Amino acid sequence: MPRSIHLLPMLASASRPGRAQPAFTPTKAADAAAAVARTIRQQWPAGAVPEQARPGAWTYEVGTVLDGMAAQWEVAHDQADLTYIQQTVDRWIDKDGSILIERGKPFPESGHTLDNIEPGRAVLLCYHVTKDERYRKAADYLHAQLEAQPRNSMGGYWHKQVYPDQMWLDGAYMAEPFRAAYASMFHKPDEFADIAKQFLLMHDNMRDRKTGLLRHGWDASHREAWADKQTGLSQEVWARAMGWYAMALVDTLPWLPSGHPDRAKLIAVLQETAKGITQFQDAQTGLWWDVLDRGSEAGNFREASASAMFTYALAKGARLGYLPLSAREAAVRGWKGIGTQFVTYGGDAVTLHGTVKVSGLGGNPYRAGDYSYYVHEAVADNDTKGVGAYLLAAGEMERLEAPASRKTKR
């Protein structure tokens, strides 16, 4: 019998990785992932995360955890993981299919934020499994929200109503995998051209020509203070933003029809993205830096959520045949680095260190998006985005370890 391992104790003081830490590397990814999933169910019941400002609210952070739980269910086939996802979604979906952002608070229809689309992936999974029309109605509502989402002059989604003309890489993950799954499940093939367009607009307008990496944000109007007046680009390559984009590509491509004219373009974008990611993988640890292309410059640090996101995207891309074997090898190095640098074991507690709590652009107080801003943002233990990405990465590592007979769901 395995020892009882609690990955999600109460939030400890934030710590930046890279210091000397007692290492804990599970013998198998399946053991680590099962322990994480089990303790998520225990410590964050029905998606209520005590450390968040609004425990139990509909948020992309909890949606990311549910994505990780879905990956674990798909590979381990533990009914408890699926039950957890449905219990969380049922906290949000009323009996008539309407969405409550919190108990008694309806979905903020006029907010137009792509972040609020992300939990729709869990809603679609619940519909797929149960065929309960409540979930279909909720998914329809989210799809209608995307149809009303403001766009810039080139047709790209604004990240939020409060950020006019701005595309952030984060938005690719928040919107496109849901939209692609919805289009496939409900037979809307005309959607795929615009789904591809969102990725391609980001690639074509946010790419740093020297490194092949994508900047965090792009203001098509060039008016925002953080935006370069010639290109509209933000200053730096934030690793988690690249992680959102890479994960969005590998999660959207499987839904695209095999003969779709943009499929080859998106695969090429993924290959270019993977090349840039692996180019800046830390040779010493197999991990990735918070400001991705500035390595060990003063203040920079290796970051957990981005490392897990890249591990997931590279491994899944290689498994599905979009990326070469070298991408899988890079993912394995990343997975080993996560275990040795970010995961610690003491007594009955395992802690995932080193996830940046949040980084953004603009807003109030104003975020300039320069190097100093990113490397001074707070880092937390057991952050939802890190934990969700860890489970996604673990699922891919489980598939590498498991016999072919277990690789049945995705």
Protein backbone atom coordinates (compact mmCIF):
# COMPACT_ATOMS: atom_id res chain seq x y z
CA MET A 1 0.00 0.00 0.00
CA PRO A 2 1.39 3.46 -0.85
CA ARG A 3 1.89 5.93 1.94
CA SER A 4 -0.75 8.63 2.32
CA ILE A 5 0.56 11.65 0.42
CA HIS A 6 -1.11 15.06 0.74
CA LEU A 7 -0.01 17.32 -2.08
CA LEU A 8 -2.26 20.23 -1.15
CA PRO A 9 -1.68 21.40 2.43
CA MET A 10 -2.68 24.90 3.42
CA LEU A 11 -0.81 27.49 1.37
CA ALA A 12 2.76 27.71 2.61
CA SER A 13 4.95 30.77 2.29
CA ALA A 14 5.86 31.34 -1.34
CA SER A 15 9.28 30.15 -2.43
CA ARG A 16 11.23 30.58 -5.59
CA PRO A 17 12.74 27.40 -7.02
CA GLY A 18 16.43 26.91 -7.46
CA ARG A 19 17.33 26.74 -3.77
CA ALA A 20 18.47 23.49 -2.19
CA GLN A 21 15.35 21.40 -1.54
CA PRO A 22 14.81 17.80 -0.43
CA ALA A 23 13.85 16.01 -3.63
CA PHE A 24 10.86 13.73 -4.06
CA THR A 25 10.60 11.90 -7.35
CA PRO A 26 7.87 9.25 -7.51
CA THR A 27 8.86 5.95 -9.05
CA LYS A 28 6.03 6.27 -11.55
CA ALA A 29 4.10 9.24 -12.89
CA ALA A 30 0.90 7.30 -12.23
CA ASP A 31 1.66 7.19 -8.50
CA ALA A 32 2.34 10.92 -8.35
CA ALA A 33 -0.72 11.82 -10.41
CA ALA A 34 -3.05 9.57 -8.42
CA ALA A 35 -1.81 11.15 -5.19
CA VAL A 36 -2.37 14.65 -6.57
CA ALA A 37 -5.87 13.83 -7.82
CA ARG A 38 -6.81 12.15 -4.55
CA THR A 39 -5.72 15.09 -2.45
CA ILE A 40 -7.37 17.62 -4.77
CA ARG A 41 -10.62 15.79 -4.09
CA GLN A 42 -9.96 15.93 -0.36
CA GLN A 43 -8.55 19.43 0.02
CA TRP A 44 -10.49 21.29 -2.68
CA PRO A 45 -13.96 19.65 -2.56
CA ALA A 46 -16.13 20.42 -5.59
CA GLY A 47 -13.60 22.97 -6.81
CA ALA A 48 -13.68 25.11 -3.66
CA VAL A 49 -10.08 26.26 -3.18
CA PRO A 50 -9.70 27.87 0.28
CA GLU A 51 -6.71 29.95 -0.78
CA GLN A 52 -8.67 31.77 -3.49
CA ALA A 53 -10.49 35.02 -2.87
CA ARG A 54 -13.82 33.42 -3.86
CA PRO A 55 -13.67 29.69 -3.05
CA GLY A 56 -15.95 27.71 -5.33
CA ALA A 57 -16.40 30.47 -7.91
CA TRP A 58 -16.40 29.82 -11.67
CA THR A 59 -12.83 30.73 -12.65
CA TYR A 60 -10.29 29.71 -15.25
CA GLU A 61 -7.96 28.67 -12.43
CA VAL A 62 -10.38 26.00 -11.23
CA GLY A 63 -11.11 25.16 -14.86
CA THR A 64 -7.41 24.38 -15.32
CA VAL A 65 -7.52 22.02 -12.34
CA LEU A 66 -10.53 20.27 -13.92
CA ASP A 67 -8.57 19.91 -17.17
CA GLY A 68 -5.86 18.16 -15.17
CA MET A 69 -8.41 15.94 -13.44
CA ALA A 70 -9.92 15.07 -16.82
CA ALA A 71 -6.49 14.06 -18.10
CA GLN A 72 -6.01 11.86 -15.05
CA TRP A 73 -9.43 10.24 -15.51
CA GLU A 74 -8.72 9.57 -19.18
CA VAL A 75 -5.53 7.67 -18.44
CA ALA A 76 -6.23 6.12 -15.03
CA HIS A 77 -9.99 5.49 -15.43
CA ASP A 78 -10.71 6.35 -11.79
CA GLN A 79 -14.41 7.16 -11.51
CA ALA A 80 -13.70 9.39 -8.52
CA ASP A 81 -11.92 11.87 -10.79
CA LEU A 82 -14.91 12.16 -13.11
CA THR A 83 -17.26 12.46 -10.14
CA TYR A 84 -15.14 15.33 -8.83
CA ILE A 85 -15.38 17.15 -12.15
CA GLN A 86 -19.15 16.75 -12.26
CA GLN A 87 -19.59 17.84 -8.64
CA THR A 88 -17.64 21.00 -9.40
CA VAL A 89 -19.57 21.75 -12.56
CA ASP A 90 -22.86 21.10 -10.75
CA ARG A 91 -21.90 23.81 -8.28
CA TRP A 92 -22.07 26.23 -11.21
CA ILE A 93 -24.88 24.96 -13.45
CA ASP A 94 -28.46 25.61 -12.31
CA LYS A 95 -31.32 23.23 -12.98
CA ASP A 96 -32.33 25.21 -16.08
CA GLY A 97 -28.80 25.16 -17.51
CA SER A 98 -27.91 28.73 -16.56
CA ILE A 99 -24.44 29.43 -15.17
CA LEU A 100 -23.87 30.87 -11.71
CA ILE A 101 -20.45 32.46 -11.30
CA GLU A 102 -20.99 32.11 -7.55
CA ARG A 103 -23.96 31.02 -5.50
CA GLY A 104 -26.77 33.42 -6.37
CA LYS A 105 -24.66 35.38 -8.90
CA PRO A 106 -25.41 34.86 -12.60
CA PHE A 107 -22.72 34.73 -15.27
CA PRO A 108 -21.56 38.33 -16.01
CA GLU A 109 -22.83 38.47 -19.58
CA SER A 110 -21.46 41.94 -20.36
CA GLY A 111 -17.97 41.20 -19.01
CA HIS A 112 -16.76 39.61 -22.27
CA THR A 113 -13.66 37.98 -20.83
CA LEU A 114 -12.11 34.94 -22.45
CA ASP A 115 -11.08 33.72 -19.00
CA ASN A 116 -14.73 32.93 -18.28
CA ILE A 117 -14.96 30.55 -21.24
CA GLU A 118 -12.30 28.13 -19.98
CA PRO A 119 -14.42 26.08 -17.53
CA GLY A 120 -16.67 25.28 -20.48
CA ARG A 121 -14.34 22.41 -21.31
CA ALA A 122 -15.45 20.63 -18.13
CA VAL A 123 -19.07 21.42 -18.98
CA LEU A 124 -18.66 19.73 -22.38
CA LEU A 125 -17.07 16.69 -20.75
CA CYS A 126 -20.05 16.37 -18.40
CA TYR A 127 -22.43 16.61 -21.34
CA HIS A 128 -20.45 14.02 -23.31
CA VAL A 129 -20.60 11.55 -20.43
CA THR A 130 -24.16 12.14 -19.18
CA LYS A 131 -26.06 13.74 -22.10
CA ASP A 132 -27.78 15.91 -19.50
CA GLU A 133 -29.33 18.84 -21.37
CA ARG A 134 -28.40 21.25 -18.57
CA TYR A 135 -24.80 20.98 -19.67
CA ARG A 136 -25.71 21.40 -23.34
CA LYS A 137 -27.60 24.60 -22.52
CA ALA A 138 -24.66 25.94 -20.52
CA ALA A 139 -22.27 25.13 -23.36
CA ASP A 140 -24.60 26.84 -25.84
CA TYR A 141 -24.57 29.94 -23.65
CA LEU A 142 -20.77 30.03 -23.55
CA HIS A 143 -20.62 29.60 -27.30
CA ALA A 144 -23.00 32.55 -27.68
CA GLN A 145 -20.70 34.55 -25.42
CA LEU A 146 -17.85 33.93 -27.84
CA GLU A 147 -20.00 35.04 -30.76
CA ALA A 148 -20.51 38.34 -28.93
CA GLN A 149 -16.86 38.75 -27.90
CA PRO A 150 -15.39 42.05 -29.14
CA ARG A 151 -12.70 41.76 -31.84
CA ASN A 152 -9.89 43.93 -33.11
CA SER A 153 -9.74 45.25 -36.67
CA MET A 154 -8.19 41.96 -37.92
CA GLY A 155 -10.85 39.79 -36.32
CA GLY A 156 -8.92 38.71 -33.22
CA TYR A 157 -10.72 38.36 -29.92
CA TRP A 158 -10.10 41.05 -27.35
CA HIS A 159 -8.80 39.29 -24.26
CA LYS A 160 -11.34 41.17 -22.15
CA GLN A 161 -13.85 43.97 -22.61
CA VAL A 162 -11.62 46.15 -20.41
CA TYR A 163 -8.59 45.57 -22.69
CA PRO A 164 -9.68 46.99 -26.06
CA ASP A 165 -7.93 45.62 -29.17
CA GLN A 166 -5.59 43.46 -27.07
CA MET A 167 -4.82 39.81 -27.70
CA TRP A 168 -3.00 37.91 -24.94
CA LEU A 169 -1.56 34.44 -25.50
CA ASP A 170 -3.51 33.27 -22.44
CA GLY A 171 -6.71 33.72 -24.42
CA ALA A 172 -5.84 30.95 -26.87
CA TYR A 173 -6.19 28.37 -24.10
CA MET A 174 -9.19 30.02 -22.51
CA ALA A 175 -11.30 29.96 -25.68
CA GLU A 176 -10.09 27.80 -28.54
CA PRO A 177 -10.05 24.24 -27.13
CA PHE A 178 -13.60 24.76 -25.84
CA ARG A 179 -14.73 26.25 -29.12
CA ALA A 180 -13.13 23.46 -31.17
CA ALA A 181 -14.66 20.73 -28.99
CA TYR A 182 -18.05 22.45 -29.20
CA ALA A 183 -17.82 22.76 -33.00
CA SER A 184 -16.94 19.09 -33.33
CA MET A 185 -19.53 17.78 -30.87
CA PHE A 186 -22.39 19.86 -32.26
CA HIS A 187 -21.46 19.69 -35.96
CA LYS A 188 -20.45 23.27 -36.70
CA PRO A 189 -17.56 22.80 -39.17
CA ASP A 190 -17.66 26.43 -40.29
CA GLU A 191 -16.23 27.38 -36.87
CA PHE A 192 -12.81 25.90 -37.53
CA ALA A 193 -11.59 28.55 -39.95
CA ASP A 194 -12.05 31.27 -37.33
CA ILE A 195 -10.55 29.07 -34.60
CA ALA A 196 -7.44 28.69 -36.73
CA LYS A 197 -7.49 32.41 -37.45
CA GLN A 198 -7.14 33.25 -33.74
CA PHE A 199 -3.98 31.14 -33.47
CA LEU A 200 -2.54 32.47 -36.70
CA LEU A 201 -3.17 36.10 -35.78
CA MET A 202 -1.20 35.54 -32.59
CA HIS A 203 1.59 33.75 -34.43
CA ASP A 204 1.85 36.31 -37.20
CA ASN A 205 1.63 39.42 -35.01
CA MET A 206 3.13 38.40 -31.66
CA ARG A 207 6.22 36.50 -32.78
CA ASP A 208 9.69 37.74 -32.00
CA ARG A 209 11.55 37.28 -35.29
CA LYS A 210 14.89 36.69 -33.56
CA THR A 211 13.85 33.89 -31.20
CA GLY A 212 10.66 32.51 -32.75
CA LEU A 213 8.96 32.98 -29.38
CA LEU A 214 5.73 34.91 -28.88
CA ARG A 215 5.38 37.98 -26.70
CA HIS A 216 2.76 37.95 -23.97
CA GLY A 217 0.48 40.59 -25.46
CA TRP A 218 -0.32 42.51 -28.62
CA ASP A 219 -2.34 45.70 -28.92
CA ALA A 220 -3.55 45.95 -32.50
CA SER A 221 -4.26 49.66 -32.03
CA HIS A 222 -0.72 50.37 -30.67
CA ARG A 223 -2.30 52.76 -28.15
CA GLU A 224 -1.69 50.96 -24.84
CA ALA A 225 1.24 52.28 -22.79
CA TRP A 226 2.93 48.85 -22.56
CA ALA A 227 2.71 48.36 -26.35
CA ASP A 228 5.56 49.14 -28.71
CA LYS A 229 4.41 52.04 -30.88
CA GLN A 230 5.59 50.33 -34.08
CA THR A 231 4.51 46.71 -33.46
CA GLY A 232 1.97 46.88 -30.64
CA LEU A 233 3.89 44.16 -28.80
CA SER A 234 4.56 43.87 -25.09
CA GLN A 235 8.21 43.77 -24.06
CA GLU A 236 8.89 40.24 -22.84
CA VAL A 237 8.29 36.55 -23.50
CA TRP A 238 6.49 35.35 -20.38
CA ALA A 239 6.85 31.60 -20.09
CA ARG A 240 3.35 30.78 -18.85
CA ALA A 241 1.80 32.78 -21.66
CA MET A 242 3.77 30.63 -24.10
CA GLY A 243 2.61 27.61 -22.11
CA TRP A 244 -1.04 28.54 -22.53
CA TYR A 245 -0.51 28.95 -26.28
CA ALA A 246 1.35 25.65 -26.70
CA MET A 247 -1.25 23.72 -24.70
CA ALA A 248 -4.05 25.36 -26.67
CA LEU A 249 -2.52 24.14 -29.93
CA VAL A 250 -2.17 20.50 -28.85
CA ASP A 251 -5.66 20.51 -27.33
CA THR A 252 -7.32 22.11 -30.37
CA LEU A 253 -5.64 20.23 -33.22
CA PRO A 254 -7.24 16.84 -32.43
CA TRP A 255 -10.66 18.38 -33.02
CA LEU A 256 -9.81 19.87 -36.43
CA PRO A 257 -11.06 17.74 -39.35
CA SER A 258 -8.18 15.90 -40.99
CA GLY A 259 -8.77 17.62 -44.33
CA HIS A 260 -9.20 21.14 -43.02
CA PRO A 261 -7.06 23.59 -45.04
CA ASP A 262 -5.68 25.25 -41.89
CA ARG A 263 -4.68 22.04 -40.16
CA ALA A 264 -1.22 21.92 -41.75
CA LYS A 265 -0.68 25.59 -40.89
CA LEU A 266 -1.44 25.00 -37.22
CA ILE A 267 0.80 21.95 -37.08
CA ALA A 268 3.60 24.08 -38.56
CA VAL A 269 2.93 26.75 -35.92
CA LEU A 270 3.10 24.11 -33.20
CA GLN A 271 6.38 22.80 -34.59
CA GLU A 272 7.85 26.29 -34.66
CA THR A 273 6.56 26.94 -31.14
CA ALA A 274 8.07 23.68 -29.89
CA LYS A 275 11.40 24.52 -31.49
CA GLY A 276 11.50 27.83 -29.66
CA ILE A 277 10.51 26.22 -26.37
CA THR A 278 13.15 23.50 -26.54
CA GLN A 279 15.80 26.01 -27.59
CA PHE A 280 15.40 27.77 -24.25
CA GLN A 281 15.06 24.70 -22.02
CA ASP A 282 17.53 24.94 -19.15
CA ALA A 283 20.29 22.42 -19.83
CA GLN A 284 21.06 21.95 -16.15
CA THR A 285 17.57 21.14 -14.85
CA GLY A 286 15.36 20.51 -17.88
CA LEU A 287 13.08 23.34 -16.73
CA TRP A 288 12.11 26.73 -18.15
CA TRP A 289 12.65 30.27 -16.93
CA ASP A 290 9.87 32.71 -16.01
CA VAL A 291 11.06 35.21 -18.62
CA LEU A 292 11.70 32.51 -21.13
CA ASP A 293 14.53 33.83 -23.27
CA ARG A 294 16.55 35.61 -20.57
CA GLY A 295 17.89 32.54 -18.78
CA SER A 296 19.75 33.10 -15.54
CA GLU A 297 19.80 36.90 -15.71
CA ALA A 298 19.51 38.63 -12.38
CA GLY A 299 16.14 38.01 -10.74
CA ASN A 300 14.92 35.42 -13.24
CA PHE A 301 13.89 32.00 -11.95
CA ARG A 302 12.73 28.62 -13.16
CA GLU A 303 8.94 28.49 -13.02
CA ALA A 304 6.77 25.45 -12.27
CA SER A 305 3.52 26.02 -14.17
CA ALA A 306 5.26 26.90 -17.45
CA SER A 307 7.60 23.93 -17.07
CA ALA A 308 4.60 21.62 -16.62
CA MET A 309 2.74 23.22 -19.53
CA PHE A 310 5.70 22.79 -21.88
CA THR A 311 6.21 19.22 -20.69
CA TYR A 312 2.58 18.48 -21.47
CA ALA A 313 2.50 20.21 -24.85
CA LEU A 314 5.75 18.65 -26.08
CA ALA A 315 4.82 15.15 -24.91
CA LYS A 316 1.29 15.29 -26.30
CA GLY A 317 2.42 16.85 -29.56
CA ALA A 318 4.94 14.03 -30.03
CA ARG A 319 2.42 11.35 -29.06
CA LEU A 320 -0.08 12.59 -31.63
CA GLY A 321 2.56 12.76 -34.35
CA TYR A 322 2.71 16.54 -34.68
CA LEU A 323 6.21 16.82 -33.20
CA PRO A 324 9.40 14.76 -33.56
CA LEU A 325 10.77 12.30 -31.02
CA SER A 326 13.15 14.99 -29.73
CA ALA A 327 10.12 16.86 -28.33
CA ARG A 328 9.18 13.84 -26.24
CA GLU A 329 12.77 13.59 -24.99
CA ALA A 330 12.64 17.26 -23.96
CA ALA A 331 9.35 16.59 -22.17
CA VAL A 332 10.88 13.70 -20.22
CA ARG A 333 13.74 15.97 -19.13
CA GLY A 334 11.19 18.57 -18.09
CA TRP A 335 9.20 16.04 -16.09
CA LYS A 336 12.31 14.89 -14.24
CA GLY A 337 13.23 18.47 -13.49
CA ILE A 338 9.78 19.21 -12.09
CA GLY A 339 10.13 16.26 -9.71
CA THR A 340 13.57 17.22 -8.46
CA GLN A 341 13.26 21.03 -8.37
CA PHE A 342 9.62 21.82 -7.58
CA VAL A 343 8.26 18.91 -5.57
CA THR A 344 9.26 18.34 -1.96
CA TYR A 345 8.34 15.58 0.45
CA GLY A 346 8.26 15.80 4.21
CA GLY A 347 6.30 13.56 6.49
CA ASP A 348 2.93 13.07 4.81
CA ALA A 349 3.03 16.31 2.81
CA VAL A 350 4.14 16.84 -0.77
CA THR A 351 4.27 20.44 -2.01
CA LEU A 352 4.47 21.81 -5.54
CA HIS A 353 6.59 24.96 -5.32
CA GLY A 354 7.39 27.70 -7.75
CA THR A 355 4.24 28.83 -9.57
CA VAL A 356 3.82 32.53 -10.32
CA LYS A 357 0.44 33.53 -8.94
CA VAL A 358 -0.47 35.92 -11.75
CA SER A 359 1.10 38.15 -14.39
CA GLY A 360 -0.81 40.46 -16.66
CA LEU A 361 -0.64 43.68 -18.65
CA GLY A 362 -2.13 47.09 -18.00
CA GLY A 363 -4.96 47.36 -15.49
CA ASN A 364 -4.96 49.12 -12.13
CA PRO A 365 -2.41 49.11 -10.55
CA TYR A 366 -0.69 49.34 -13.89
CA ARG A 367 1.46 46.42 -15.12
CA ALA A 368 4.07 47.59 -17.59
CA GLY A 369 5.10 44.11 -18.73
CA ASP A 370 8.82 44.83 -18.48
CA TYR A 371 11.44 42.40 -17.19
CA SER A 372 11.42 43.79 -13.66
CA TYR A 373 7.65 43.40 -13.44
CA TYR A 374 7.62 39.71 -14.32
CA VAL A 375 10.48 38.63 -12.06
CA HIS A 376 9.00 40.43 -9.05
CA GLU A 377 5.53 38.91 -9.21
CA ALA A 378 4.60 36.70 -6.25
CA VAL A 379 5.32 32.96 -6.36
CA ALA A 380 3.14 30.45 -4.50
CA ASP A 381 3.04 26.84 -3.41
CA ASN A 382 0.21 24.63 -4.67
CA ASP A 383 -1.23 27.25 -6.99
CA THR A 384 -4.17 25.95 -9.02
CA LYS A 385 -2.57 26.72 -12.37
CA GLY A 386 0.59 24.86 -11.42
CA VAL A 387 -1.31 21.89 -10.00
CA GLY A 388 -3.59 21.63 -13.03
CA ALA A 389 -0.66 21.80 -15.44
CA TYR A 390 1.23 19.25 -13.32
CA LEU A 391 -1.64 16.78 -13.70
CA LEU A 392 -1.78 17.36 -17.44
CA ALA A 393 1.95 16.68 -17.71
CA ALA A 394 1.65 13.65 -15.45
CA GLY A 395 -1.06 12.22 -17.68
CA GLU A 396 1.25 12.32 -20.67
CA MET A 397 4.07 10.74 -18.67
CA GLU A 398 1.66 8.00 -17.57
CA ARG A 399 0.90 7.25 -21.19
CA LEU A 400 4.61 6.82 -21.86
CA GLU A 401 4.91 4.42 -18.93
CA ALA A 402 1.68 2.49 -19.48
CA PRO A 403 1.20 -0.45 -21.84
CA ALA A 404 -0.61 0.27 -25.08
CA SER A 405 -3.75 -1.41 -23.78
CA ARG A 406 -4.28 1.46 -21.32
CA LYS A 407 -4.05 4.21 -23.92
CA THR A 408 -7.69 4.09 -24.87
CA LYS A 409 -9.34 7.44 -24.33
CA ARG A 410 -7.33 10.10 -26.13
